[in-house]
Amino acid sequence: MDIVQAQNWLMNLSERKKQIAMSVASVIAGIAILIAYSQSGPNALKYAEAEEIYAKWVAAPGDDVLYQSMQEAIRNVPALQKKYEAAIAQKLINTDKLSEGLVMANRSLTRVKEEVPFHATYAMTSLLIEQGNYQEALENAVALKEQMGNSFQAEQKGGSLLYVHNLLRIACLQQQLKNRPGEKAAWEELEALLSTKSRPAQMLLGSFSEKQINLSQYIAERKKTL
């Protein structure tokens, strides 16, 4: 993949933002809710009915009648509502119910923020990108970097891999906002971290290599233009 294609891939937020926004949200919310899942449990019949109608809606998310039925069934089983809320939000965002999906996603992430604060903040910033609020997303990403501090000391608080991805996000958002000095500084910071050959750095480079993108080369080319 040449440098122009790489730039288009990196900056094509409108095509990739749904996956960025919600894949993280679903995993975080799903894990956290399952950990805190109530042991008392709902009525077995209502639980089974809700599970069944949820599965039907997942197979046909554009069916409004089925969606309404699923909502009512899930509301009757609060444990399931919490368990599936992030996944439902992702489906809504991927269809034509963007606003409703974003509200649900934010509610789900707010509920799990204490368990996984850094990842929840990253996912919430992704929702801002989904809405086109790039300046606010940038401010949140910069704040998250400062909160995490030294990436290699952040394993217990959120993980150094998240720190590396957040640096990449900052650079891309600076580019999106056409802030040339800010973009150059962000690329240089990311470049310095990648040069350490640490495990998170190698994982990020490897993820781009799988897409036939040389991230280091892309950064070098971007710096030349700034």
C-alpha atoms as a PDB file:
ATOM      1  CA  MET A   1       0.000   0.000   0.000  1.00  0.00           C
ATOM      2  CA  ASP A   2       1.540   3.343  -1.043  1.00  0.00           C
ATOM      3  CA  ILE A   3       1.704   6.463   1.118  1.00  0.00           C
ATOM      4  CA  VAL A   4      -1.419   8.056  -0.393  1.00  0.00           C
ATOM      5  CA  GLN A   5      -3.446   4.923   0.265  1.00  0.00           C
ATOM      6  CA  ALA A   6      -2.054   4.782   3.788  1.00  0.00           C
ATOM      7  CA  GLN A   7      -3.098   8.382   4.416  1.00  0.00           C
ATOM      8  CA  ASN A   8      -6.590   7.707   3.109  1.00  0.00           C
ATOM      9  CA  TRP A   9      -6.876   4.640   5.350  1.00  0.00           C
ATOM     10  CA  LEU A  10      -5.675   6.464   8.446  1.00  0.00           C
ATOM     11  CA  MET A  11      -7.811   9.532   7.936  1.00  0.00           C
ATOM     12  CA  ASN A  12     -10.974   7.873   6.686  1.00  0.00           C
ATOM     13  CA  LEU A  13     -12.672   8.280  10.061  1.00  0.00           C
ATOM     14  CA  SER A  14     -16.160   8.384   8.560  1.00  0.00           C
ATOM     15  CA  GLU A  15     -15.811   4.815   7.262  1.00  0.00           C
ATOM     16  CA  ARG A  16     -14.027   3.332  10.278  1.00  0.00           C
ATOM     17  CA  LYS A  17     -15.386   5.313  13.181  1.00  0.00           C
ATOM     18  CA  LYS A  18     -18.303   2.981  13.935  1.00  0.00           C
ATOM     19  CA  GLN A  19     -15.987   0.033  14.462  1.00  0.00           C
ATOM     20  CA  ILE A  20     -13.562   2.187  16.485  1.00  0.00           C
ATOM     21  CA  ALA A  21     -16.375   3.560  18.605  1.00  0.00           C
ATOM     22  CA  MET A  22     -18.298   0.472  19.431  1.00  0.00           C
ATOM     23  CA  SER A  23     -16.034  -2.563  19.309  1.00  0.00           C
ATOM     24  CA  VAL A  24     -14.184  -1.196  22.338  1.00  0.00           C
ATOM     25  CA  ALA A  25     -17.433  -0.221  24.040  1.00  0.00           C
ATOM     26  CA  SER A  26     -18.999  -3.638  23.578  1.00  0.00           C
ATOM     27  CA  VAL A  27     -16.030  -5.540  24.929  1.00  0.00           C
ATOM     28  CA  ILE A  28     -15.592  -3.255  27.942  1.00  0.00           C
ATOM     29  CA  ALA A  29     -19.236  -3.136  28.879  1.00  0.00           C
ATOM     30  CA  GLY A  30     -19.812  -6.825  28.260  1.00  0.00           C
ATOM     31  CA  ILE A  31     -16.920  -7.952  30.442  1.00  0.00           C
ATOM     32  CA  ALA A  32     -17.604  -5.502  33.253  1.00  0.00           C
ATOM     33  CA  ILE A  33     -21.312  -6.285  33.427  1.00  0.00           C
ATOM     34  CA  LEU A  34     -20.715 -10.022  33.395  1.00  0.00           C
ATOM     35  CA  ILE A  35     -18.277  -9.649  36.296  1.00  0.00           C
ATOM     36  CA  ALA A  36     -20.867  -7.715  38.312  1.00  0.00           C
ATOM     37  CA  TYR A  37     -23.800  -9.858  37.178  1.00  0.00           C
ATOM     38  CA  SER A  38     -26.475 -10.331  39.835  1.00  0.00           C
ATOM     39  CA  GLN A  39     -26.665 -13.812  41.313  1.00  0.00           C
ATOM     40  CA  SER A  40     -30.361 -13.591  42.117  1.00  0.00           C
ATOM     41  CA  GLY A  41     -31.420 -13.678  38.472  1.00  0.00           C
ATOM     42  CA  PRO A  42     -34.794 -12.876  36.877  1.00  0.00           C
ATOM     43  CA  ASN A  43     -37.759 -15.095  36.284  1.00  0.00           C
ATOM     44  CA  ALA A  44     -36.460 -18.020  34.173  1.00  0.00           C
ATOM     45  CA  LEU A  45     -39.265 -17.780  31.594  1.00  0.00           C
ATOM     46  CA  LYS A  46     -38.864 -14.026  31.078  1.00  0.00           C
ATOM     47  CA  TYR A  47     -35.116 -14.484  30.824  1.00  0.00           C
ATOM     48  CA  ALA A  48     -35.447 -17.154  28.145  1.00  0.00           C
ATOM     49  CA  GLU A  49     -38.021 -15.127  26.205  1.00  0.00           C
ATOM     50  CA  ALA A  50     -35.820 -12.032  26.290  1.00  0.00           C
ATOM     51  CA  GLU A  51     -32.781 -13.999  25.117  1.00  0.00           C
ATOM     52  CA  GLU A  52     -34.787 -15.468  22.250  1.00  0.00           C
ATOM     53  CA  ILE A  53     -36.216 -12.189  20.987  1.00  0.00           C
ATOM     54  CA  TYR A  54     -32.826 -10.497  21.347  1.00  0.00           C
ATOM     55  CA  ALA A  55     -31.275 -13.178  19.127  1.00  0.00           C
ATOM     56  CA  LYS A  56     -34.029 -12.642  16.533  1.00  0.00           C
ATOM     57  CA  TRP A  57     -33.458  -8.874  16.524  1.00  0.00           C
ATOM     58  CA  VAL A  58     -29.681  -9.313  16.128  1.00  0.00           C
ATOM     59  CA  ALA A  59     -30.412 -11.295  12.967  1.00  0.00           C
ATOM     60  CA  ALA A  60     -32.760  -8.564  11.665  1.00  0.00           C
ATOM     61  CA  PRO A  61     -31.750  -5.234  13.292  1.00  0.00           C
ATOM     62  CA  GLY A  62     -33.687  -3.208  10.727  1.00  0.00           C
ATOM     63  CA  ASP A  63     -37.039  -4.671  11.820  1.00  0.00           C
ATOM     64  CA  ASP A  64     -38.649  -1.869  13.860  1.00  0.00           C
ATOM     65  CA  VAL A  65     -41.469  -4.042  15.204  1.00  0.00           C
ATOM     66  CA  LEU A  66     -38.988  -6.634  16.378  1.00  0.00           C
ATOM     67  CA  TYR A  67     -36.826  -3.876  17.865  1.00  0.00           C
ATOM     68  CA  GLN A  68     -39.716  -2.554  19.945  1.00  0.00           C
ATOM     69  CA  SER A  69     -40.554  -6.054  21.148  1.00  0.00           C
ATOM     70  CA  MET A  70     -36.919  -6.677  22.021  1.00  0.00           C
ATOM     71  CA  GLN A  71     -36.706  -3.423  23.969  1.00  0.00           C
ATOM     72  CA  GLU A  72     -39.780  -4.299  26.023  1.00  0.00           C
ATOM     73  CA  ALA A  73     -38.548  -7.829  26.715  1.00  0.00           C
ATOM     74  CA  ILE A  74     -35.070  -6.656  27.727  1.00  0.00           C
ATOM     75  CA  ARG A  75     -36.502  -3.964  30.024  1.00  0.00           C
ATOM     76  CA  ASN A  76     -38.265  -6.699  31.967  1.00  0.00           C
ATOM     77  CA  VAL A  77     -34.914  -8.371  32.627  1.00  0.00           C
ATOM     78  CA  PRO A  78     -32.566  -5.639  33.944  1.00  0.00           C
ATOM     79  CA  ALA A  79     -29.576  -7.996  34.089  1.00  0.00           C
ATOM     80  CA  LEU A  80     -29.900  -8.717  30.376  1.00  0.00           C
ATOM     81  CA  GLN A  81     -30.406  -5.044  29.608  1.00  0.00           C
ATOM     82  CA  LYS A  82     -27.058  -4.260  31.202  1.00  0.00           C
ATOM     83  CA  LYS A  83     -25.402  -7.266  29.597  1.00  0.00           C
ATOM     84  CA  TYR A  84     -26.496  -6.459  26.029  1.00  0.00           C
ATOM     85  CA  GLU A  85     -26.792  -2.676  26.089  1.00  0.00           C
ATOM     86  CA  ALA A  86     -23.412  -2.006  24.447  1.00  0.00           C
ATOM     87  CA  ALA A  87     -24.017  -4.621  21.747  1.00  0.00           C
ATOM     88  CA  ILE A  88     -27.470  -3.165  21.048  1.00  0.00           C
ATOM     89  CA  ALA A  89     -25.941   0.296  20.805  1.00  0.00           C
ATOM     90  CA  GLN A  90     -23.450  -0.954  18.234  1.00  0.00           C
ATOM     91  CA  LYS A  91     -26.234  -2.408  16.105  1.00  0.00           C
ATOM     92  CA  LEU A  92     -28.211   0.841  16.315  1.00  0.00           C
ATOM     93  CA  ILE A  93     -25.210   2.921  15.260  1.00  0.00           C
ATOM     94  CA  ASN A  94     -24.619   0.608  12.325  1.00  0.00           C
ATOM     95  CA  THR A  95     -28.214   1.031  11.143  1.00  0.00           C
ATOM     96  CA  ASP A  96     -30.238   4.246  11.044  1.00  0.00           C
ATOM     97  CA  LYS A  97     -30.687   4.855  14.773  1.00  0.00           C
ATOM     98  CA  LEU A  98     -27.459   6.751  15.405  1.00  0.00           C
ATOM     99  CA  SER A  99     -28.722   9.155  18.076  1.00  0.00           C
ATOM    100  CA  GLU A 100     -30.416   6.428  20.092  1.00  0.00           C
ATOM    101  CA  GLY A 101     -27.350   4.209  19.806  1.00  0.00           C
ATOM    102  CA  LEU A 102     -25.022   6.946  21.024  1.00  0.00           C
ATOM    103  CA  VAL A 103     -27.184   7.651  24.076  1.00  0.00           C
ATOM    104  CA  MET A 104     -27.244   3.959  24.934  1.00  0.00           C
ATOM    105  CA  ALA A 105     -23.507   3.586  24.391  1.00  0.00           C
ATOM    106  CA  ASN A 106     -22.691   6.525  26.641  1.00  0.00           C
ATOM    107  CA  ARG A 107     -24.974   5.149  29.350  1.00  0.00           C
ATOM    108  CA  SER A 108     -23.291   1.766  29.151  1.00  0.00           C
ATOM    109  CA  LEU A 109     -19.795   3.251  29.296  1.00  0.00           C
ATOM    110  CA  THR A 110     -20.655   5.541  32.199  1.00  0.00           C
ATOM    111  CA  ARG A 111     -21.766   2.503  34.164  1.00  0.00           C
ATOM    112  CA  VAL A 112     -18.420   0.699  33.727  1.00  0.00           C
ATOM    113  CA  LYS A 113     -16.092   3.687  33.989  1.00  0.00           C
ATOM    114  CA  GLU A 114     -15.043   2.847  37.543  1.00  0.00           C
ATOM    115  CA  GLU A 115     -13.901  -0.654  36.552  1.00  0.00           C
ATOM    116  CA  VAL A 116     -12.001   0.358  33.392  1.00  0.00           C
ATOM    117  CA  PRO A 117     -11.635   4.163  33.477  1.00  0.00           C
ATOM    118  CA  PHE A 118      -9.040   4.613  30.736  1.00  0.00           C
ATOM    119  CA  HIS A 119     -10.677   2.251  28.265  1.00  0.00           C
ATOM    120  CA  ALA A 120     -14.100   3.755  28.955  1.00  0.00           C
ATOM    121  CA  THR A 121     -12.733   7.249  28.348  1.00  0.00           C
ATOM    122  CA  TYR A 122     -11.118   6.087  25.098  1.00  0.00           C
ATOM    123  CA  ALA A 123     -14.408   4.581  23.948  1.00  0.00           C
ATOM    124  CA  MET A 124     -16.366   7.707  24.915  1.00  0.00           C
ATOM    125  CA  THR A 125     -13.938   9.764  22.835  1.00  0.00           C
ATOM    126  CA  SER A 126     -14.639   7.398  19.959  1.00  0.00           C
ATOM    127  CA  LEU A 127     -18.308   8.322  20.229  1.00  0.00           C
ATOM    128  CA  LEU A 128     -17.358  11.992  19.877  1.00  0.00           C
ATOM    129  CA  ILE A 129     -15.506  11.099  16.675  1.00  0.00           C
ATOM    130  CA  GLU A 130     -18.637   9.298  15.501  1.00  0.00           C
ATOM    131  CA  GLN A 131     -20.538  12.562  15.914  1.00  0.00           C
ATOM    132  CA  GLY A 132     -17.848  14.610  14.162  1.00  0.00           C
ATOM    133  CA  ASN A 133     -16.813  16.458  17.341  1.00  0.00           C
ATOM    134  CA  TYR A 134     -13.123  16.291  16.483  1.00  0.00           C
ATOM    135  CA  GLN A 135     -11.946  19.203  18.626  1.00  0.00           C
ATOM    136  CA  GLU A 136     -13.582  17.846  21.759  1.00  0.00           C
ATOM    137  CA  ALA A 137     -12.313  14.376  20.904  1.00  0.00           C
ATOM    138  CA  LEU A 138      -8.777  15.756  20.627  1.00  0.00           C
ATOM    139  CA  GLU A 139      -9.049  17.512  23.975  1.00  0.00           C
ATOM    140  CA  ASN A 140     -10.263  14.290  25.585  1.00  0.00           C
ATOM    141  CA  ALA A 141      -7.491  12.247  23.979  1.00  0.00           C
ATOM    142  CA  VAL A 142      -4.820  14.683  25.205  1.00  0.00           C
ATOM    143  CA  ALA A 143      -6.345  14.632  28.692  1.00  0.00           C
ATOM    144  CA  LEU A 144      -6.348  10.820  28.664  1.00  0.00           C
ATOM    145  CA  LYS A 145      -2.656  10.789  27.738  1.00  0.00           C
ATOM    146  CA  GLU A 146      -1.887  13.036  30.691  1.00  0.00           C
ATOM    147  CA  GLN A 147      -4.022  10.939  33.035  1.00  0.00           C
ATOM    148  CA  MET A 148      -2.287   7.743  32.030  1.00  0.00           C
ATOM    149  CA  GLY A 149       1.150   9.286  32.491  1.00  0.00           C
ATOM    150  CA  ASN A 150       4.131   7.195  31.514  1.00  0.00           C
ATOM    151  CA  SER A 151       2.786   4.476  29.219  1.00  0.00           C
ATOM    152  CA  PHE A 152       5.030   1.793  30.630  1.00  0.00           C
ATOM    153  CA  GLN A 153       3.824   2.469  34.169  1.00  0.00           C
ATOM    154  CA  ALA A 154       0.156   2.272  33.234  1.00  0.00           C
ATOM    155  CA  GLU A 155      -0.394  -1.476  32.910  1.00  0.00           C
ATOM    156  CA  GLN A 156      -2.487  -1.766  36.062  1.00  0.00           C
ATOM    157  CA  LYS A 157      -4.542   1.315  35.160  1.00  0.00           C
ATOM    158  CA  GLY A 158      -5.336   0.652  31.533  1.00  0.00           C
ATOM    159  CA  GLY A 159      -2.418  -0.769  29.651  1.00  0.00           C
ATOM    160  CA  SER A 160       0.436   0.625  27.616  1.00  0.00           C
ATOM    161  CA  LEU A 161      -1.105  -0.606  24.355  1.00  0.00           C
ATOM    162  CA  LEU A 162      -4.037   1.733  24.905  1.00  0.00           C
ATOM    163  CA  TYR A 163      -1.556   4.557  25.485  1.00  0.00           C
ATOM    164  CA  VAL A 164       0.098   3.894  22.108  1.00  0.00           C
ATOM    165  CA  HIS A 165      -3.247   3.793  20.308  1.00  0.00           C
ATOM    166  CA  ASN A 166      -4.246   7.029  21.982  1.00  0.00           C
ATOM    167  CA  LEU A 167      -1.064   8.716  20.721  1.00  0.00           C
ATOM    168  CA  LEU A 168      -1.966   7.606  17.199  1.00  0.00           C
ATOM    169  CA  ARG A 169      -5.466   8.982  17.689  1.00  0.00           C
ATOM    170  CA  ILE A 170      -4.084  12.365  18.790  1.00  0.00           C
ATOM    171  CA  ALA A 171      -1.918  12.602  15.679  1.00  0.00           C
ATOM    172  CA  CYS A 172      -4.818  11.681  13.376  1.00  0.00           C
ATOM    173  CA  LEU A 173      -7.148  14.169  15.049  1.00  0.00           C
ATOM    174  CA  GLN A 174      -4.550  16.924  14.771  1.00  0.00           C
ATOM    175  CA  GLN A 175      -4.317  16.091  11.068  1.00  0.00           C
ATOM    176  CA  GLN A 176      -8.099  16.075  10.749  1.00  0.00           C
ATOM    177  CA  LEU A 177      -8.236  19.535  12.354  1.00  0.00           C
ATOM    178  CA  LYS A 178      -5.363  20.776  10.128  1.00  0.00           C
ATOM    179  CA  ASN A 179      -3.255  21.777  13.126  1.00  0.00           C
ATOM    180  CA  ARG A 180       0.159  21.348  11.507  1.00  0.00           C
ATOM    181  CA  PRO A 181       2.382  22.129  14.538  1.00  0.00           C
ATOM    182  CA  GLY A 182       0.237  19.942  16.772  1.00  0.00           C
ATOM    183  CA  GLU A 183       0.231  17.132  14.234  1.00  0.00           C
ATOM    184  CA  LYS A 184       4.008  17.235  13.826  1.00  0.00           C
ATOM    185  CA  ALA A 185       4.546  17.147  17.583  1.00  0.00           C
ATOM    186  CA  ALA A 186       2.129  14.228  17.920  1.00  0.00           C
ATOM    187  CA  TRP A 187       3.846  12.211  15.174  1.00  0.00           C
ATOM    188  CA  GLU A 188       7.248  12.882  16.741  1.00  0.00           C
ATOM    189  CA  GLU A 189       6.024  11.674  20.130  1.00  0.00           C
ATOM    190  CA  LEU A 190       4.568   8.526  18.607  1.00  0.00           C
ATOM    191  CA  GLU A 191       7.706   7.986  16.515  1.00  0.00           C
ATOM    192  CA  ALA A 192       9.900   8.202  19.621  1.00  0.00           C
ATOM    193  CA  LEU A 193       7.787   5.610  21.386  1.00  0.00           C
ATOM    194  CA  LEU A 194       7.810   3.283  18.377  1.00  0.00           C
ATOM    195  CA  SER A 195      11.601   3.485  18.242  1.00  0.00           C
ATOM    196  CA  THR A 196      11.818   1.858  21.683  1.00  0.00           C
ATOM    197  CA  LYS A 197      10.847  -1.480  20.114  1.00  0.00           C
ATOM    198  CA  SER A 198       8.662  -2.158  23.149  1.00  0.00           C
ATOM    199  CA  ARG A 199       5.956  -4.805  22.972  1.00  0.00           C
ATOM    200  CA  PRO A 200       3.091  -2.263  22.603  1.00  0.00           C
ATOM    201  CA  ALA A 201       5.046  -0.482  19.854  1.00  0.00           C
ATOM    202  CA  GLN A 202       5.614  -3.748  18.005  1.00  0.00           C
ATOM    203  CA  MET A 203       1.964  -4.703  18.350  1.00  0.00           C
ATOM    204  CA  LEU A 204       0.840  -1.386  16.841  1.00  0.00           C
ATOM    205  CA  LEU A 205       3.325  -1.647  13.966  1.00  0.00           C
ATOM    206  CA  GLY A 206       2.257  -5.234  13.401  1.00  0.00           C
ATOM    207  CA  SER A 207      -1.410  -4.307  13.184  1.00  0.00           C
ATOM    208  CA  PHE A 208      -0.580  -1.892  10.375  1.00  0.00           C
ATOM    209  CA  SER A 209       1.711  -4.372   8.634  1.00  0.00           C
ATOM    210  CA  GLU A 210      -1.245  -6.746   8.387  1.00  0.00           C
ATOM    211  CA  LYS A 211      -2.972  -4.040   6.323  1.00  0.00           C
ATOM    212  CA  GLN A 212       0.195  -3.567   4.231  1.00  0.00           C
ATOM    213  CA  ILE A 213       0.829  -0.133   5.761  1.00  0.00           C
ATOM    214  CA  ASN A 214       4.302   0.866   6.923  1.00  0.00           C
ATOM    215  CA  LEU A 215       3.391   3.174   9.790  1.00  0.00           C
ATOM    216  CA  SER A 216       6.955   4.352  10.344  1.00  0.00           C
ATOM    217  CA  GLN A 217       7.240   5.333   6.687  1.00  0.00           C
ATOM    218  CA  TYR A 218       3.898   7.098   6.812  1.00  0.00           C
ATOM    219  CA  ILE A 219       4.986   9.137   9.839  1.00  0.00           C
ATOM    220  CA  ALA A 220       8.228  10.103   8.101  1.00  0.00           C
ATOM    221  CA  GLU A 221       6.340  11.254   5.003  1.00  0.00           C
ATOM    222  CA  ARG A 222       3.843  13.234   7.033  1.00  0.00           C
ATOM    223  CA  LYS A 223       6.622  15.012   8.913  1.00  0.00           C
ATOM    224  CA  LYS A 224       8.195  16.069   5.607  1.00  0.00           C
ATOM    225  CA  THR A 225       4.976  17.824   4.588  1.00  0.00           C
ATOM    226  CA  LEU A 226       4.551  19.712   7.867  1.00  0.00           C
END
